[in-house]
Each structure stands twice: as structure tokens, then as C-alpha cells.
Amino acid sequence: MKNMTVGSLFKPLIRMFTRFHLTIFIVFIVAGLSYAVLLLNDMFIDTSDTNGYTPPNDTGSIDQATLDRIKQLHTSDEAVSPLTQSGGRTNPFGE
């Protein structure tokens, strides 16, 4: 029987690691990033499920005065009157 030492047992593993260390590193990085993306995707899918969700606060109501002011606003298809500019120069810093 051959006399085997601890160093001779790990010599093939060390030789393989020294030869493929960059490839092994890249594989671990890609695997870790893929796992992180899958976990984030799963987290976003779980949080977007809104079945049975009730909001914690009540929605408010609008009083009649506010509704009247909203109805008086112009729509985008209506023509607006042109702006009139004052003649001469004005001071932009004046109040």
C-alpha cells in the first residue's frame, strides 16, 4: 500500500482550483446575483397581491364649494383667451 499524506490528497484539488479559479469565481458571482434577482422578483410578486386588502384610512369627501370650483375650470379642448401684456418694461424684482 502506498504511503499517502494529507498534502498529496489535496494536491489535485489545489491544482484544479489554481487552474480554474477565475471561472469558479465568475460562476459563484453569477449564481449569487441570479438568486438575488429571483428573491427580489418573488418579493415584488408577493407584495403586489392586493386581494383582501383594506386601506387603513378613510377617503375624505369634497364639499360643494370645492365641487363648484372644479366645474368652473376649463377643459383642454376649450379655447382660452389670449394673455394681455402690459406695455413697456416691468421690473421683475418689484412687487
N, C-alpha and C. Protein backbone atom coordinates (compact mmCIF):
# COMPACT_ATOMS: atom_id res chain seq x y z
N MET A 1 0.82 -1.17 0.00
CA MET A 1 0.00 0.00 0.00
C MET A 1 0.87 1.24 0.00
N LYS A 2 0.42 2.24 -0.74
CA LYS A 2 1.18 3.48 -0.83
C LYS A 2 1.01 4.30 0.43
N ASN A 3 2.05 5.04 0.73
CA ASN A 3 2.00 5.93 1.88
C ASN A 3 1.47 7.28 1.40
N MET A 4 0.23 7.66 1.79
CA MET A 4 -0.40 8.90 1.32
C MET A 4 -0.40 9.91 2.46
N THR A 5 -0.04 11.12 2.14
CA THR A 5 -0.07 12.20 3.13
C THR A 5 -1.27 13.10 2.84
N VAL A 6 -1.51 14.00 3.78
CA VAL A 6 -2.63 14.92 3.62
C VAL A 6 -2.38 15.84 2.43
N GLY A 7 -1.17 16.27 2.24
CA GLY A 7 -0.83 17.15 1.13
C GLY A 7 -1.05 16.48 -0.22
N SER A 8 -0.78 15.20 -0.30
CA SER A 8 -0.96 14.51 -1.58
C SER A 8 -2.45 14.26 -1.88
N LEU A 9 -3.30 14.24 -0.85
CA LEU A 9 -4.73 14.07 -1.07
C LEU A 9 -5.36 15.32 -1.69
N PHE A 10 -4.90 16.49 -1.26
CA PHE A 10 -5.49 17.74 -1.73
C PHE A 10 -4.76 18.33 -2.93
N LYS A 11 -3.69 17.72 -3.37
CA LYS A 11 -2.93 18.26 -4.49
C LYS A 11 -3.75 18.37 -5.78
N PRO A 12 -4.58 17.37 -6.15
CA PRO A 12 -5.39 17.53 -7.35
C PRO A 12 -6.44 18.64 -7.22
N LEU A 13 -7.01 18.79 -6.03
CA LEU A 13 -7.98 19.86 -5.82
C LEU A 13 -7.32 21.24 -5.91
N ILE A 14 -6.15 21.37 -5.34
CA ILE A 14 -5.44 22.64 -5.39
C ILE A 14 -5.04 22.96 -6.83
N ARG A 15 -4.60 21.96 -7.57
CA ARG A 15 -4.22 22.17 -8.96
C ARG A 15 -5.43 22.59 -9.80
N MET A 16 -6.59 21.96 -9.55
CA MET A 16 -7.80 22.32 -10.28
C MET A 16 -8.23 23.75 -9.92
N PHE A 17 -8.14 24.11 -8.64
CA PHE A 17 -8.54 25.45 -8.22
C PHE A 17 -7.62 26.51 -8.81
N THR A 18 -6.31 26.25 -8.82
CA THR A 18 -5.39 27.25 -9.39
C THR A 18 -5.59 27.39 -10.89
N ARG A 19 -6.05 26.36 -11.55
CA ARG A 19 -6.25 26.44 -12.99
C ARG A 19 -7.57 27.13 -13.35
N PHE A 20 -8.62 26.87 -12.58
CA PHE A 20 -9.95 27.39 -12.90
C PHE A 20 -10.48 28.39 -11.88
N HIS A 21 -9.63 29.10 -11.17
CA HIS A 21 -10.10 29.98 -10.10
C HIS A 21 -10.95 31.14 -10.64
N LEU A 22 -10.62 31.68 -11.78
CA LEU A 22 -11.41 32.78 -12.34
C LEU A 22 -12.79 32.28 -12.80
N THR A 23 -12.83 31.12 -13.41
CA THR A 23 -14.11 30.55 -13.85
C THR A 23 -15.00 30.24 -12.65
N ILE A 24 -14.43 29.68 -11.62
CA ILE A 24 -15.21 29.35 -10.41
C ILE A 24 -15.74 30.63 -9.78
N PHE A 25 -14.91 31.67 -9.73
CA PHE A 25 -15.33 32.96 -9.16
C PHE A 25 -16.50 33.53 -9.95
N ILE A 26 -16.41 33.54 -11.28
CA ILE A 26 -17.47 34.09 -12.11
C ILE A 26 -18.76 33.29 -11.96
N VAL A 27 -18.66 31.97 -11.87
CA VAL A 27 -19.85 31.13 -11.70
C VAL A 27 -20.53 31.45 -10.37
N PHE A 28 -19.76 31.62 -9.29
CA PHE A 28 -20.35 31.95 -8.00
C PHE A 28 -21.00 33.33 -8.01
N ILE A 29 -20.38 34.29 -8.66
CA ILE A 29 -20.95 35.64 -8.72
C ILE A 29 -22.26 35.63 -9.51
N VAL A 30 -22.27 34.98 -10.66
CA VAL A 30 -23.49 34.92 -11.48
C VAL A 30 -24.60 34.16 -10.74
N ALA A 31 -24.24 33.08 -10.06
CA ALA A 31 -25.24 32.32 -9.31
C ALA A 31 -25.81 33.16 -8.16
N GLY A 32 -24.97 33.91 -7.46
CA GLY A 32 -25.44 34.75 -6.36
C GLY A 32 -26.34 35.87 -6.85
N LEU A 33 -25.97 36.51 -7.95
CA LEU A 33 -26.80 37.58 -8.50
C LEU A 33 -28.13 37.03 -9.02
N SER A 34 -28.10 35.87 -9.63
CA SER A 34 -29.34 35.26 -10.11
C SER A 34 -30.27 34.93 -8.94
N TYR A 35 -29.71 34.42 -7.87
CA TYR A 35 -30.51 34.10 -6.69
C TYR A 35 -31.11 35.37 -6.10
N ALA A 36 -30.33 36.46 -6.05
CA ALA A 36 -30.84 37.73 -5.52
C ALA A 36 -31.97 38.27 -6.39
N VAL A 37 -31.84 38.17 -7.70
CA VAL A 37 -32.89 38.65 -8.60
C VAL A 37 -34.16 37.82 -8.41
N LEU A 38 -34.03 36.52 -8.29
CA LEU A 38 -35.20 35.67 -8.08
C LEU A 38 -35.89 35.97 -6.74
N LEU A 39 -35.11 36.23 -5.69
CA LEU A 39 -35.71 36.58 -4.40
C LEU A 39 -36.44 37.92 -4.48
N LEU A 40 -35.83 38.91 -5.14
CA LEU A 40 -36.49 40.21 -5.27
C LEU A 40 -37.76 40.09 -6.10
N ASN A 41 -37.71 39.31 -7.17
CA ASN A 41 -38.89 39.12 -8.01
C ASN A 41 -40.01 38.46 -7.21
N ASP A 42 -39.68 37.47 -6.43
CA ASP A 42 -40.68 36.79 -5.60
C ASP A 42 -41.26 37.75 -4.55
N MET A 43 -40.40 38.61 -3.99
CA MET A 43 -40.87 39.57 -3.00
C MET A 43 -41.83 40.58 -3.65
N PHE A 44 -41.51 41.06 -4.85
CA PHE A 44 -42.39 42.02 -5.52
C PHE A 44 -43.71 41.39 -5.93
N ILE A 45 -43.70 40.13 -6.32
CA ILE A 45 -44.93 39.45 -6.69
C ILE A 45 -45.81 39.27 -5.45
N ASP A 46 -45.22 38.92 -4.33
CA ASP A 46 -45.99 38.73 -3.10
C ASP A 46 -46.59 40.04 -2.60
N THR A 47 -45.85 41.14 -2.71
CA THR A 47 -46.36 42.41 -2.19
C THR A 47 -47.38 43.04 -3.12
N SER A 48 -47.41 42.65 -4.40
CA SER A 48 -48.38 43.25 -5.31
C SER A 48 -49.73 42.55 -5.24
N ASP A 49 -49.84 41.48 -4.51
CA ASP A 49 -51.12 40.79 -4.35
C ASP A 49 -51.98 41.59 -3.37
N THR A 50 -53.07 42.19 -3.87
CA THR A 50 -53.89 43.08 -3.03
C THR A 50 -55.25 42.49 -2.72
N ASN A 51 -55.44 41.21 -2.86
CA ASN A 51 -56.72 40.59 -2.54
C ASN A 51 -56.96 40.67 -1.03
N GLY A 52 -58.12 41.17 -0.66
CA GLY A 52 -58.46 41.24 0.76
C GLY A 52 -57.82 42.40 1.48
N TYR A 53 -57.21 43.33 0.77
CA TYR A 53 -56.55 44.47 1.42
C TYR A 53 -57.56 45.59 1.64
N THR A 54 -57.60 46.11 2.83
CA THR A 54 -58.42 47.28 3.11
C THR A 54 -57.49 48.39 3.57
N PRO A 55 -57.60 49.57 2.99
CA PRO A 55 -56.70 50.67 3.38
C PRO A 55 -56.95 51.09 4.83
N PRO A 56 -55.92 51.54 5.50
CA PRO A 56 -56.07 51.88 6.92
C PRO A 56 -56.83 53.17 7.19
N ASN A 57 -56.96 54.06 6.20
CA ASN A 57 -57.66 55.32 6.45
C ASN A 57 -58.86 55.45 5.52
N ASP A 58 -59.80 56.28 5.95
CA ASP A 58 -60.99 56.54 5.14
C ASP A 58 -60.69 57.61 4.11
N THR A 59 -61.36 57.51 2.97
CA THR A 59 -61.24 58.57 1.98
C THR A 59 -62.15 59.70 2.39
N GLY A 60 -61.70 60.91 2.18
CA GLY A 60 -62.47 62.07 2.60
C GLY A 60 -63.53 62.42 1.58
N SER A 61 -64.29 63.41 1.90
CA SER A 61 -65.32 63.88 0.99
C SER A 61 -65.02 65.32 0.62
N ILE A 62 -65.53 65.75 -0.54
CA ILE A 62 -65.32 67.10 -1.02
C ILE A 62 -66.60 67.88 -0.79
N ASP A 63 -66.46 69.09 -0.27
CA ASP A 63 -67.65 69.90 -0.03
C ASP A 63 -68.16 70.52 -1.34
N GLN A 64 -69.33 71.08 -1.31
CA GLN A 64 -69.99 71.58 -2.52
C GLN A 64 -69.24 72.77 -3.12
N ALA A 65 -68.65 73.62 -2.30
CA ALA A 65 -67.92 74.78 -2.81
C ALA A 65 -66.73 74.34 -3.66
N THR A 66 -66.04 73.31 -3.23
CA THR A 66 -64.91 72.80 -3.99
C THR A 66 -65.37 72.17 -5.29
N LEU A 67 -66.48 71.45 -5.25
CA LEU A 67 -67.02 70.85 -6.48
C LEU A 67 -67.41 71.92 -7.50
N ASP A 68 -68.00 73.02 -7.03
CA ASP A 68 -68.36 74.12 -7.94
C ASP A 68 -67.12 74.75 -8.56
N ARG A 69 -66.06 74.92 -7.79
CA ARG A 69 -64.83 75.48 -8.34
C ARG A 69 -64.20 74.55 -9.36
N ILE A 70 -64.29 73.25 -9.15
CA ILE A 70 -63.74 72.29 -10.10
C ILE A 70 -64.52 72.33 -11.41
N LYS A 71 -65.83 72.46 -11.30
CA LYS A 71 -66.65 72.51 -12.52
C LYS A 71 -66.41 73.77 -13.33
N GLN A 72 -65.97 74.86 -12.71
CA GLN A 72 -65.70 76.10 -13.42
C GLN A 72 -64.38 76.07 -14.19
N LEU A 73 -63.53 75.11 -13.94
CA LEU A 73 -62.25 75.03 -14.64
C LEU A 73 -62.48 74.71 -16.11
N HIS A 74 -61.55 75.17 -16.95
CA HIS A 74 -61.63 74.93 -18.39
C HIS A 74 -61.11 73.53 -18.71
N THR A 75 -61.68 72.91 -19.72
CA THR A 75 -61.15 71.64 -20.20
C THR A 75 -60.08 71.91 -21.24
N SER A 76 -59.33 70.90 -21.60
CA SER A 76 -58.21 71.10 -22.52
C SER A 76 -58.66 71.36 -23.95
N ASP A 77 -59.88 71.03 -24.31
CA ASP A 77 -60.33 71.26 -25.69
C ASP A 77 -60.98 72.63 -25.86
N GLU A 78 -61.21 73.38 -24.80
CA GLU A 78 -61.78 74.73 -24.90
C GLU A 78 -60.69 75.74 -25.23
N ALA A 79 -61.06 76.75 -25.99
CA ALA A 79 -60.12 77.82 -26.31
C ALA A 79 -60.05 78.79 -25.14
N VAL A 80 -58.85 79.24 -24.85
CA VAL A 80 -58.67 80.19 -23.75
C VAL A 80 -58.40 81.56 -24.33
N SER A 81 -58.72 82.58 -23.59
CA SER A 81 -58.48 83.94 -24.06
C SER A 81 -56.99 84.24 -24.02
N PRO A 82 -56.49 85.00 -25.01
CA PRO A 82 -55.05 85.29 -25.02
C PRO A 82 -54.67 86.21 -23.86
N LEU A 83 -53.45 86.06 -23.41
CA LEU A 83 -52.96 86.87 -22.30
C LEU A 83 -52.64 88.28 -22.80
N THR A 84 -52.95 89.26 -22.00
CA THR A 84 -52.61 90.63 -22.36
C THR A 84 -51.38 91.05 -21.56
N GLN A 85 -50.42 91.61 -22.27
CA GLN A 85 -49.20 92.05 -21.61
C GLN A 85 -49.21 93.55 -21.48
N SER A 86 -48.68 94.02 -20.38
CA SER A 86 -48.63 95.46 -20.17
C SER A 86 -47.54 96.05 -21.06
N GLY A 87 -47.76 97.29 -21.51
CA GLY A 87 -46.78 97.93 -22.39
C GLY A 87 -45.57 98.40 -21.59
N GLY A 88 -44.44 98.44 -22.23
CA GLY A 88 -43.22 98.93 -21.59
C GLY A 88 -42.54 97.86 -20.78
N ARG A 89 -41.48 98.29 -20.17
CA ARG A 89 -40.69 97.34 -19.36
C ARG A 89 -41.24 97.27 -17.96
N THR A 90 -41.14 96.10 -17.37
CA THR A 90 -41.56 95.94 -15.99
C THR A 90 -40.37 95.47 -15.17
N ASN A 91 -40.38 95.78 -13.92
CA ASN A 91 -39.31 95.38 -13.02
C ASN A 91 -39.62 93.98 -12.49
N PRO A 92 -38.78 93.00 -12.81
CA PRO A 92 -39.06 91.64 -12.32
C PRO A 92 -38.87 91.50 -10.81
N PHE A 93 -38.15 92.48 -10.21
CA PHE A 93 -37.91 92.38 -8.78
C PHE A 93 -38.92 93.20 -7.97
N GLY A 94 -39.77 93.93 -8.65
CA GLY A 94 -40.78 94.71 -7.94
C GLY A 94 -41.94 93.85 -7.53
N GLU A 95 -42.61 94.31 -6.52
CA GLU A 95 -43.73 93.51 -6.02
C GLU A 95 -45.02 94.03 -6.51
